[in-house]
Amino acid sequence: KAGDVLGAPAGGPETAHQIINTGTATLVYLGISTMAT
């Protein structure tokens, strides 16, 4: 929900992730990542 911070560290399938909107309104979020070459 609004205010939550989600972490997805680098790794194998155990760190696989996806954000799904299960609500009735638009889900808005910022995504921040390290940038690897």
PDB file of all heavy atoms in Angstrom:
ATOM      1  N   LYS A   1       0.855  -1.190   0.000  1.00  0.00           N
ATOM      2  CA  LYS A   1       0.000   0.000   0.000  1.00  0.00           C
ATOM      3  C   LYS A   1       0.887   1.235   0.000  1.00  0.00           C
ATOM      4  O   LYS A   1       2.105   1.138   0.156  1.00  0.00           O
ATOM      5  CB  LYS A   1      -0.913  -0.003   1.217  1.00  0.00           C
ATOM      6  CG  LYS A   1      -0.187   0.078   2.530  1.00  0.00           C
ATOM      7  CD  LYS A   1      -1.127  -0.027   3.714  1.00  0.00           C
ATOM      8  CE  LYS A   1      -0.451   0.081   5.047  1.00  0.00           C
ATOM      9  NZ  LYS A   1       0.759  -0.680   5.268  1.00  0.00           N
ATOM     10  N   ALA A   2       0.273   2.398  -0.164  1.00  0.00           N
ATOM     11  CA  ALA A   2       0.994   3.668  -0.173  1.00  0.00           C
ATOM     12  C   ALA A   2       1.876   3.773   1.070  1.00  0.00           C
ATOM     13  O   ALA A   2       1.462   3.437   2.169  1.00  0.00           O
ATOM     14  CB  ALA A   2       0.014   4.829  -0.225  1.00  0.00           C
ATOM     15  N   GLY A   3       3.115   4.201   0.863  1.00  0.00           N
ATOM     16  CA  GLY A   3       4.075   4.350   1.941  1.00  0.00           C
ATOM     17  C   GLY A   3       5.016   3.161   2.092  1.00  0.00           C
ATOM     18  O   GLY A   3       6.032   3.260   2.769  1.00  0.00           O
ATOM     19  N   ASP A   4       4.707   2.037   1.445  1.00  0.00           N
ATOM     20  CA  ASP A   4       5.570   0.856   1.548  1.00  0.00           C
ATOM     21  C   ASP A   4       6.813   1.013   0.680  1.00  0.00           C
ATOM     22  O   ASP A   4       6.763   1.582  -0.416  1.00  0.00           O
ATOM     23  CB  ASP A   4       4.827  -0.414   1.125  1.00  0.00           C
ATOM     24  CG  ASP A   4       3.819  -0.881   2.160  1.00  0.00           C
ATOM     25  OD1 ASP A   4       3.868  -0.408   3.317  1.00  0.00           O
ATOM     26  OD2 ASP A   4       2.979  -1.733   1.810  1.00  0.00           O
ATOM     27  N   VAL A   5       7.919   0.482   1.185  1.00  0.00           N
ATOM     28  CA  VAL A   5       9.186   0.438   0.464  1.00  0.00           C
ATOM     29  C   VAL A   5       9.501  -1.031   0.223  1.00  0.00           C
ATOM     30  O   VAL A   5       9.480  -1.836   1.151  1.00  0.00           O
ATOM     31  CB  VAL A   5      10.321   1.106   1.271  1.00  0.00           C
ATOM     32  CG1 VAL A   5      11.639   1.018   0.515  1.00  0.00           C
ATOM     33  CG2 VAL A   5       9.972   2.549   1.588  1.00  0.00           C
ATOM     34  N   LEU A   6       9.769  -1.385  -1.030  1.00  0.00           N
ATOM     35  CA  LEU A   6       9.995  -2.770  -1.423  1.00  0.00           C
ATOM     36  C   LEU A   6      11.424  -2.944  -1.900  1.00  0.00           C
ATOM     37  O   LEU A   6      11.908  -2.146  -2.698  1.00  0.00           O
ATOM     38  CB  LEU A   6       9.048  -3.157  -2.561  1.00  0.00           C
ATOM     39  CG  LEU A   6       7.615  -2.606  -2.511  1.00  0.00           C
ATOM     40  CD1 LEU A   6       6.885  -2.915  -3.800  1.00  0.00           C
ATOM     41  CD2 LEU A   6       6.894  -3.166  -1.318  1.00  0.00           C
ATOM     42  N   GLY A   7      12.077  -3.997  -1.442  1.00  0.00           N
ATOM     43  CA  GLY A   7      13.448  -4.263  -1.855  1.00  0.00           C
ATOM     44  C   GLY A   7      13.524  -5.484  -2.747  1.00  0.00           C
ATOM     45  O   GLY A   7      12.876  -6.494  -2.481  1.00  0.00           O
ATOM     46  N   ALA A   8      14.310  -5.396  -3.811  1.00  0.00           N
ATOM     47  CA  ALA A   8      14.543  -6.509  -4.725  1.00  0.00           C
ATOM     48  C   ALA A   8      16.039  -6.557  -5.022  1.00  0.00           C
ATOM     49  O   ALA A   8      16.501  -6.020  -6.033  1.00  0.00           O
ATOM     50  CB  ALA A   8      13.718  -6.333  -5.997  1.00  0.00           C
ATOM     51  N   PRO A   9      16.807  -7.192  -4.121  1.00  0.00           N
ATOM     52  CA  PRO A   9      18.253  -7.251  -4.338  1.00  0.00           C
ATOM     53  C   PRO A   9      18.622  -8.171  -5.494  1.00  0.00           C
ATOM     54  O   PRO A   9      17.836  -9.050  -5.879  1.00  0.00           O
ATOM     55  CB  PRO A   9      18.788  -7.804  -3.012  1.00  0.00           C
ATOM     56  CG  PRO A   9      17.643  -8.533  -2.399  1.00  0.00           C
ATOM     57  CD  PRO A   9      16.390  -7.840  -2.883  1.00  0.00           C
ATOM     58  N   ALA A  10      19.797  -7.965  -6.032  1.00  0.00           N
ATOM     59  CA  ALA A  10      20.314  -8.842  -7.078  1.00  0.00           C
ATOM     60  C   ALA A  10      20.434 -10.257  -6.525  1.00  0.00           C
ATOM     61  O   ALA A  10      20.701 -10.453  -5.341  1.00  0.00           O
ATOM     62  CB  ALA A  10      21.679  -8.343  -7.549  1.00  0.00           C
ATOM     63  N   GLY A  11      20.207 -11.229  -7.393  1.00  0.00           N
ATOM     64  CA  GLY A  11      20.313 -12.624  -6.975  1.00  0.00           C
ATOM     65  C   GLY A  11      19.690 -13.531  -8.002  1.00  0.00           C
ATOM     66  O   GLY A  11      19.463 -13.134  -9.141  1.00  0.00           O
ATOM     67  N   GLY A  12      19.392 -14.752  -7.582  1.00  0.00           N
ATOM     68  CA  GLY A  12      18.779 -15.731  -8.451  1.00  0.00           C
ATOM     69  C   GLY A  12      17.271 -15.673  -8.359  1.00  0.00           C
ATOM     70  O   GLY A  12      16.697 -14.677  -7.883  1.00  0.00           O
ATOM     71  N   PRO A  13      16.593 -16.745  -8.790  1.00  0.00           N
ATOM     72  CA  PRO A  13      15.123 -16.777  -8.773  1.00  0.00           C
ATOM     73  C   PRO A  13      14.503 -16.511  -7.404  1.00  0.00           C
ATOM     74  O   PRO A  13      13.371 -16.076  -7.320  1.00  0.00           O
ATOM     75  CB  PRO A  13      14.801 -18.187  -9.269  1.00  0.00           C
ATOM     76  CG  PRO A  13      15.975 -18.552 -10.118  1.00  0.00           C
ATOM     77  CD  PRO A  13      17.167 -17.919  -9.448  1.00  0.00           C
ATOM     78  N   GLU A  14      15.263 -16.728  -6.334  1.00  0.00           N
ATOM     79  CA  GLU A  14      14.736 -16.437  -4.992  1.00  0.00           C
ATOM     80  C   GLU A  14      14.488 -14.947  -4.781  1.00  0.00           C
ATOM     81  O   GLU A  14      13.760 -14.561  -3.873  1.00  0.00           O
ATOM     82  CB  GLU A  14      15.675 -16.994  -3.911  1.00  0.00           C
ATOM     83  CG  GLU A  14      16.963 -16.229  -3.716  1.00  0.00           C
ATOM     84  CD  GLU A  14      18.061 -16.513  -4.758  1.00  0.00           C
ATOM     85  OE1 GLU A  14      17.852 -17.334  -5.682  1.00  0.00           O
ATOM     86  OE2 GLU A  14      19.139 -15.884  -4.652  1.00  0.00           O
ATOM     87  N   THR A  15      15.069 -14.092  -5.626  1.00  0.00           N
ATOM     88  CA  THR A  15      14.826 -12.646  -5.532  1.00  0.00           C
ATOM     89  C   THR A  15      13.971 -12.132  -6.687  1.00  0.00           C
ATOM     90  O   THR A  15      13.846 -10.924  -6.880  1.00  0.00           O
ATOM     91  CB  THR A  15      16.150 -11.855  -5.492  1.00  0.00           C
ATOM     92  OG1 THR A  15      16.828 -12.008  -6.739  1.00  0.00           O
ATOM     93  CG2 THR A  15      17.034 -12.299  -4.343  1.00  0.00           C
ATOM     94  N   ALA A  16      13.378 -13.061  -7.452  1.00  0.00           N
ATOM     95  CA  ALA A  16      12.496 -12.644  -8.551  1.00  0.00           C
ATOM     96  C   ALA A  16      11.341 -11.840  -7.969  1.00  0.00           C
ATOM     97  O   ALA A  16      10.875 -12.113  -6.856  1.00  0.00           O
ATOM     98  CB  ALA A  16      11.990 -13.858  -9.320  1.00  0.00           C
ATOM     99  N   HIS A  17      10.885 -10.850  -8.724  1.00  0.00           N
ATOM    100  CA  HIS A  17       9.872  -9.936  -8.195  1.00  0.00           C
ATOM    101  C   HIS A  17       8.975  -9.390  -9.289  1.00  0.00           C
ATOM    102  O   HIS A  17       9.333  -9.384 -10.466  1.00  0.00           O
ATOM    103  CB  HIS A  17      10.551  -8.786  -7.445  1.00  0.00           C
ATOM    104  CG  HIS A  17      11.564  -8.073  -8.280  1.00  0.00           C
ATOM    105  ND1 HIS A  17      12.845  -8.571  -8.483  1.00  0.00           N
ATOM    106  CD2 HIS A  17      11.498  -6.931  -8.997  1.00  0.00           C
ATOM    107  CE1 HIS A  17      13.507  -7.751  -9.272  1.00  0.00           C
ATOM    108  NE2 HIS A  17      12.712  -6.740  -9.603  1.00  0.00           N
ATOM    109  N   GLN A  18       7.801  -8.943  -8.849  1.00  0.00           N
ATOM    110  CA  GLN A  18       6.803  -8.348  -9.738  1.00  0.00           C
ATOM    111  C   GLN A  18       5.812  -7.588  -8.872  1.00  0.00           C
ATOM    112  O   GLN A  18       5.420  -8.061  -7.796  1.00  0.00           O
ATOM    113  CB  GLN A  18       6.092  -9.452 -10.517  1.00  0.00           C
ATOM    114  CG  GLN A  18       5.013  -8.970 -11.465  1.00  0.00           C
ATOM    115  CD  GLN A  18       4.331 -10.130 -12.164  1.00  0.00           C
ATOM    116  OE1 GLN A  18       4.077 -11.172 -11.562  1.00  0.00           O
ATOM    117  NE2 GLN A  18       4.021  -9.950 -13.439  1.00  0.00           N
ATOM    118  N   ILE A  19       5.405  -6.428  -9.334  1.00  0.00           N
ATOM    119  CA  ILE A  19       4.380  -5.638  -8.657  1.00  0.00           C
ATOM    120  C   ILE A  19       3.102  -5.742  -9.470  1.00  0.00           C
ATOM    121  O   ILE A  19       3.105  -5.487 -10.673  1.00  0.00           O
ATOM    122  CB  ILE A  19       4.818  -4.164  -8.507  1.00  0.00           C
ATOM    123  CG1 ILE A  19       6.074  -4.082  -7.632  1.00  0.00           C
ATOM    124  CG2 ILE A  19       3.683  -3.321  -7.936  1.00  0.00           C
ATOM    125  CD1 ILE A  19       6.698  -2.701  -7.581  1.00  0.00           C
ATOM    126  N   ILE A  20       2.004  -6.115  -8.796  1.00  0.00           N
ATOM    127  CA  ILE A  20       0.713  -6.305  -9.453  1.00  0.00           C
ATOM    128  C   ILE A  20      -0.311  -5.406  -8.761  1.00  0.00           C
ATOM    129  O   ILE A  20      -0.398  -5.390  -7.529  1.00  0.00           O
ATOM    130  CB  ILE A  20       0.253  -7.775  -9.356  1.00  0.00           C
ATOM    131  CG1 ILE A  20       1.327  -8.698  -9.945  1.00  0.00           C
ATOM    132  CG2 ILE A  20      -1.086  -7.978 -10.053  1.00  0.00           C
ATOM    133  CD1 ILE A  20       1.189 -10.150  -9.537  1.00  0.00           C
ATOM    134  N   ASN A  21      -1.080  -4.665  -9.534  1.00  0.00           N
ATOM    135  CA  ASN A  21      -2.146  -3.836  -8.968  1.00  0.00           C
ATOM    136  C   ASN A  21      -3.358  -4.725  -8.715  1.00  0.00           C
ATOM    137  O   ASN A  21      -4.015  -5.168  -9.651  1.00  0.00           O
ATOM    138  CB  ASN A  21      -2.494  -2.687  -9.917  1.00  0.00           C
ATOM    139  CG  ASN A  21      -3.535  -1.761  -9.325  1.00  0.00           C
ATOM    140  OD1 ASN A  21      -4.215  -2.091  -8.356  1.00  0.00           O
ATOM    141  ND2 ASN A  21      -3.674  -0.588  -9.924  1.00  0.00           N
ATOM    142  N   THR A  22      -3.667  -4.986  -7.445  1.00  0.00           N
ATOM    143  CA  THR A  22      -4.829  -5.799  -7.066  1.00  0.00           C
ATOM    144  C   THR A  22      -5.989  -4.934  -6.595  1.00  0.00           C
ATOM    145  O   THR A  22      -7.026  -5.454  -6.197  1.00  0.00           O
ATOM    146  CB  THR A  22      -4.460  -6.794  -5.944  1.00  0.00           C
ATOM    147  OG1 THR A  22      -3.958  -6.057  -4.819  1.00  0.00           O
ATOM    148  CG2 THR A  22      -3.406  -7.793  -6.419  1.00  0.00           C
ATOM    149  N   GLY A  23      -5.826  -3.626  -6.654  1.00  0.00           N
ATOM    150  CA  GLY A  23      -6.857  -2.701  -6.191  1.00  0.00           C
ATOM    151  C   GLY A  23      -7.791  -2.263  -7.305  1.00  0.00           C
ATOM    152  O   GLY A  23      -7.771  -2.797  -8.418  1.00  0.00           O
ATOM    153  N   THR A  24      -8.588  -1.258  -6.992  1.00  0.00           N
ATOM    154  CA  THR A  24      -9.550  -0.718  -7.958  1.00  0.00           C
ATOM    155  C   THR A  24      -9.136   0.656  -8.478  1.00  0.00           C
ATOM    156  O   THR A  24      -9.806   1.230  -9.328  1.00  0.00           O
ATOM    157  CB  THR A  24     -10.956  -0.619  -7.327  1.00  0.00           C
ATOM    158  OG1 THR A  24     -10.872   0.205  -6.163  1.00  0.00           O
ATOM    159  CG2 THR A  24     -11.482  -1.997  -6.952  1.00  0.00           C
ATOM    160  N   ALA A  25      -8.031   1.201  -7.943  1.00  0.00           N
ATOM    161  CA  ALA A  25      -7.504   2.499  -8.384  1.00  0.00           C
ATOM    162  C   ALA A  25      -6.100   2.286  -8.942  1.00  0.00           C
ATOM    163  O   ALA A  25      -5.486   1.230  -8.749  1.00  0.00           O
ATOM    164  CB  ALA A  25      -7.455   3.468  -7.203  1.00  0.00           C
ATOM    165  N   THR A  26      -5.591   3.281  -9.615  1.00  0.00           N
ATOM    166  CA  THR A  26      -4.248   3.209 -10.182  1.00  0.00           C
ATOM    167  C   THR A  26      -3.204   3.040  -9.079  1.00  0.00           C
ATOM    168  O   THR A  26      -3.271   3.709  -8.047  1.00  0.00           O
ATOM    169  CB  THR A  26      -3.951   4.484 -10.996  1.00  0.00           C
ATOM    170  OG1 THR A  26      -4.927   4.588 -12.046  1.00  0.00           O
ATOM    171  CG2 THR A  26      -2.567   4.460 -11.597  1.00  0.00           C
ATOM    172  N   LEU A  27      -2.265   2.143  -9.300  1.00  0.00           N
ATOM    173  CA  LEU A  27      -1.138   1.935  -8.395  1.00  0.00           C
ATOM    174  C   LEU A  27       0.021   2.777  -8.919  1.00  0.00           C
ATOM    175  O   LEU A  27       0.410   2.657 -10.085  1.00  0.00           O
ATOM    176  CB  LEU A  27      -0.749   0.454  -8.361  1.00  0.00           C
ATOM    177  CG  LEU A  27       0.456   0.067  -7.511  1.00  0.00           C
ATOM    178  CD1 LEU A  27       0.193   0.356  -6.034  1.00  0.00           C
ATOM    179  CD2 LEU A  27       0.786  -1.408  -7.708  1.00  0.00           C
ATOM    180  N   VAL A  28       0.537   3.658  -8.071  1.00  0.00           N
ATOM    181  CA  VAL A  28       1.602   4.577  -8.466  1.00  0.00           C
ATOM    182  C   VAL A  28       2.829   4.302  -7.611  1.00  0.00           C
ATOM    183  O   VAL A  28       2.727   4.223  -6.385  1.00  0.00           O
ATOM    184  CB  VAL A  28       1.162   6.053  -8.289  1.00  0.00           C
ATOM    185  CG1 VAL A  28       2.266   7.007  -8.736  1.00  0.00           C
ATOM    186  CG2 VAL A  28      -0.136   6.326  -9.044  1.00  0.00           C
ATOM    187  N   TYR A  29       3.984   4.137  -8.262  1.00  0.00           N
ATOM    188  CA  TYR A  29       5.202   3.896  -7.495  1.00  0.00           C
ATOM    189  C   TYR A  29       6.435   4.399  -8.239  1.00  0.00           C
ATOM    190  O   TYR A  29       6.415   4.595  -9.452  1.00  0.00           O
ATOM    191  CB  TYR A  29       5.362   2.409  -7.156  1.00  0.00           C
ATOM    192  CG  TYR A  29       5.446   1.477  -8.330  1.00  0.00           C
ATOM    193  CD1 TYR A  29       6.670   1.172  -8.913  1.00  0.00           C
ATOM    194  CD2 TYR A  29       4.305   0.887  -8.871  1.00  0.00           C
ATOM    195  CE1 TYR A  29       6.758   0.308  -9.994  1.00  0.00           C
ATOM    196  CE2 TYR A  29       4.382   0.018  -9.946  1.00  0.00           C
ATOM    197  CZ  TYR A  29       5.615  -0.271 -10.505  1.00  0.00           C
ATOM    198  OH  TYR A  29       5.686  -1.128 -11.570  1.00  0.00           O
ATOM    199  N   LEU A  30       7.493   4.618  -7.469  1.00  0.00           N
ATOM    200  CA  LEU A  30       8.803   4.935  -8.022  1.00  0.00           C
ATOM    201  C   LEU A  30       9.627   3.658  -8.018  1.00  0.00           C
ATOM    202  O   LEU A  30       9.573   2.877  -7.057  1.00  0.00           O
ATOM    203  CB  LEU A  30       9.540   5.960  -7.163  1.00  0.00           C
ATOM    204  CG  LEU A  30       9.054   7.398  -7.179  1.00  0.00           C
ATOM    205  CD1 LEU A  30       9.912   8.238  -6.232  1.00  0.00           C
ATOM    206  CD2 LEU A  30       9.093   7.986  -8.579  1.00  0.00           C
ATOM    207  N   GLY A  31      10.391   3.436  -9.075  1.00  0.00           N
ATOM    208  CA  GLY A  31      11.357   2.351  -9.129  1.00  0.00           C
ATOM    209  C   GLY A  31      12.741   2.949  -9.163  1.00  0.00           C
ATOM    210  O   GLY A  31      13.007   3.854  -9.952  1.00  0.00           O
ATOM    211  N   ILE A  32      13.611   2.478  -8.284  1.00  0.00           N
ATOM    212  CA  ILE A  32      14.970   3.001  -8.203  1.00  0.00           C
ATOM    213  C   ILE A  32      15.918   1.812  -8.308  1.00  0.00           C
ATOM    214  O   ILE A  32      15.709   0.789  -7.640  1.00  0.00           O
ATOM    215  CB  ILE A  32      15.181   3.759  -6.872  1.00  0.00           C
ATOM    216  CG1 ILE A  32      14.169   4.912  -6.786  1.00  0.00           C
ATOM    217  CG2 ILE A  32      16.614   4.259  -6.743  1.00  0.00           C
ATOM    218  CD1 ILE A  32      14.045   5.540  -5.421  1.00  0.00           C
ATOM    219  N   SER A  33      16.941   1.928  -9.154  1.00  0.00           N
ATOM    220  CA  SER A  33      17.855   0.794  -9.324  1.00  0.00           C
ATOM    221  C   SER A  33      19.277   1.248  -9.559  1.00  0.00           C
ATOM    222  O   SER A  33      19.521   2.354 -10.049  1.00  0.00           O
ATOM    223  CB  SER A  33      17.407  -0.065 -10.508  1.00  0.00           C
ATOM    224  OG  SER A  33      17.577   0.630 -11.722  1.00  0.00           O
ATOM    225  N   THR A  34      20.196   0.357  -9.192  1.00  0.00           N
ATOM    226  CA  THR A  34      21.577   0.562  -9.587  1.00  0.00           C
ATOM    227  C   THR A  34      21.623   0.331 -11.090  1.00  0.00           C
ATOM    228  O   THR A  34      20.767  -0.351 -11.640  1.00  0.00           O
ATOM    229  CB  THR A  34      22.506  -0.418  -8.849  1.00  0.00           C
ATOM    230  OG1 THR A  34      22.050  -1.756  -9.069  1.00  0.00           O
ATOM    231  CG2 THR A  34      22.535  -0.134  -7.358  1.00  0.00           C
ATOM    232  N   MET A  35      22.566   0.933 -11.761  1.00  0.00           N
ATOM    233  CA  MET A  35      22.656   0.824 -13.218  1.00  0.00           C
ATOM    234  C   MET A  35      23.962   0.125 -13.573  1.00  0.00           C
ATOM    235  O   MET A  35      25.028   0.711 -13.471  1.00  0.00           O
ATOM    236  CB  MET A  35      22.621   2.214 -13.858  1.00  0.00           C
ATOM    237  CG  MET A  35      21.339   2.977 -13.627  1.00  0.00           C
ATOM    238  SD  MET A  35      19.953   2.293 -14.521  1.00  0.00           S
ATOM    239  CE  MET A  35      20.349   2.839 -16.165  1.00  0.00           C
ATOM    240  N   ALA A  36      23.854  -1.129 -13.974  1.00  0.00           N
ATOM    241  CA  ALA A  36      25.034  -1.893 -14.353  1.00  0.00           C
ATOM    242  C   ALA A  36      25.262  -1.794 -15.864  1.00  0.00           C
ATOM    243  O   ALA A  36      24.305  -1.751 -16.633  1.00  0.00           O
ATOM    244  CB  ALA A  36      24.852  -3.357 -13.957  1.00  0.00           C
ATOM    245  N   THR A  37      26.508  -1.778 -16.269  1.00  0.00           N
ATOM    246  CA  THR A  37      26.835  -1.767 -17.693  1.00  0.00           C
ATOM    247  C   THR A  37      26.412  -3.085 -18.330  1.00  0.00           C
ATOM    248  O   THR A  37      25.924  -3.117 -19.453  1.00  0.00           O
ATOM    249  CB  THR A  37      28.347  -1.549 -17.893  1.00  0.00           C
ATOM    250  OG1 THR A  37      28.694  -0.307 -17.289  1.00  0.00           O
ATOM    251  CG2 THR A  37      28.717  -1.518 -19.356  1.00  0.00           C
TER     252      THR A  37
END
